Amino acid sequence: MSFATINRCANDQALQGRVTACAAGEIGGSPVDVTANLIWLVAAASDVEAAYAFALASDNPNPGGDEGVITDQMILSAVQAHLPATP
């Protein structure tokens, strides 16, 4: 795990948009405030970080937006793991 990779991943605009879309589907309403916290947790997820690092090493120009690198399921799993349980 590389903190540099997590930082690049968390600041990737395309990935931020995808995490926001995922959060909107999971919590409803405006997910913008939630996404600011979730993006770091998603970026630090071991599978996401590893895939992002591999994409960077492979010179992928858009790793956060490439669904072949970070799948929607990877994002959904990381988001769901960090949302509060509903009563």
Protein backbone atom coordinates (compact mmCIF):
# COMPACT_ATOMS: atom_id res chain seq x y z
CA MET A 1 0.00 0.00 0.00
CA SER A 2 1.34 3.40 -0.96
CA PHE A 3 0.19 6.64 0.61
CA ALA A 4 1.15 8.41 -2.62
CA THR A 5 -1.16 6.12 -4.60
CA ILE A 6 -4.00 6.59 -2.12
CA ASN A 7 -3.55 10.37 -2.37
CA ARG A 8 -3.63 10.34 -6.18
CA CYS A 9 -6.62 8.02 -6.16
CA ALA A 10 -8.58 10.10 -3.63
CA ASN A 11 -7.92 13.25 -5.66
CA ASP A 12 -8.91 11.68 -8.99
CA GLN A 13 -11.91 13.70 -10.22
CA ALA A 14 -13.38 10.82 -12.22
CA LEU A 15 -13.24 8.48 -9.23
CA GLN A 16 -14.72 11.17 -6.98
CA GLY A 17 -17.66 11.44 -9.36
CA ARG A 18 -18.18 7.69 -9.36
CA VAL A 19 -18.05 7.51 -5.56
CA THR A 20 -20.53 10.40 -5.35
CA ALA A 21 -22.89 8.59 -7.72
CA CYS A 22 -22.59 5.43 -5.67
CA ALA A 23 -23.23 7.28 -2.40
CA ALA A 24 -26.29 8.97 -3.92
CA GLY A 25 -27.74 5.60 -4.74
CA GLU A 26 -26.99 4.21 -1.31
CA ILE A 27 -28.03 7.09 0.97
CA GLY A 28 -30.34 9.15 -1.22
CA GLY A 29 -30.39 12.92 -1.05
CA SER A 30 -27.22 14.95 -1.48
CA PRO A 31 -24.13 12.78 -1.03
CA VAL A 32 -21.57 15.59 -1.44
CA ASP A 33 -20.67 15.91 2.26
CA VAL A 34 -20.55 12.16 2.70
CA THR A 35 -18.36 11.71 -0.38
CA ALA A 36 -15.67 14.01 1.02
CA ASN A 37 -15.08 11.42 3.74
CA LEU A 38 -15.85 8.29 1.74
CA ILE A 39 -13.40 9.00 -1.08
CA TRP A 40 -10.43 8.50 1.24
CA LEU A 41 -11.87 5.24 2.58
CA VAL A 42 -12.55 3.98 -0.93
CA ALA A 43 -9.07 4.99 -2.11
CA ALA A 44 -7.49 3.19 0.85
CA ALA A 45 -9.40 -0.04 0.24
CA SER A 46 -6.72 -2.61 -0.58
CA ASP A 47 -8.28 -3.77 -3.87
CA VAL A 48 -8.90 -0.21 -5.07
CA GLU A 49 -5.40 0.98 -4.15
CA ALA A 50 -3.77 -2.05 -5.80
CA ALA A 51 -5.79 -1.64 -9.00
CA TYR A 52 -5.08 2.09 -9.12
CA ALA A 53 -1.34 1.51 -8.56
CA PHE A 54 -1.27 -1.09 -11.34
CA ALA A 55 -3.08 1.29 -13.70
CA LEU A 56 -0.61 4.07 -12.94
CA ALA A 57 2.32 1.72 -13.56
CA SER A 58 0.67 0.72 -16.85
CA ASP A 59 0.38 4.39 -17.91
CA ASN A 60 -3.43 4.32 -17.89
CA PRO A 61 -4.44 7.95 -18.51
CA ASN A 62 -7.75 7.68 -16.62
CA PRO A 63 -7.54 5.04 -13.88
CA GLY A 64 -10.34 6.51 -11.76
CA GLY A 65 -12.76 6.66 -14.66
CA ASP A 66 -11.82 3.33 -16.22
CA GLU A 67 -14.37 0.73 -15.10
CA GLY A 68 -11.93 -1.97 -16.15
CA VAL A 69 -9.50 -0.76 -13.49
CA ILE A 70 -11.82 0.04 -10.59
CA THR A 71 -15.17 -1.64 -11.01
CA ASP A 72 -18.47 -0.29 -9.77
CA GLN A 73 -18.66 -3.32 -7.48
CA MET A 74 -15.32 -2.40 -5.88
CA ILE A 75 -16.63 1.11 -5.21
CA LEU A 76 -19.98 -0.17 -3.94
CA SER A 77 -18.33 -2.64 -1.57
CA ALA A 78 -16.05 0.03 -0.10
CA VAL A 79 -18.89 2.55 0.25
CA GLN A 80 -21.27 0.06 1.86
CA ALA A 81 -18.58 -1.01 4.34
CA HIS A 82 -18.36 2.54 5.67
CA LEU A 83 -21.97 3.69 5.69
CA PRO A 84 -23.72 3.69 9.06
CA ALA A 85 -26.18 0.87 9.57
CA THR A 86 -29.81 1.85 9.22
CA PRO A 87 -32.06 0.94 12.14
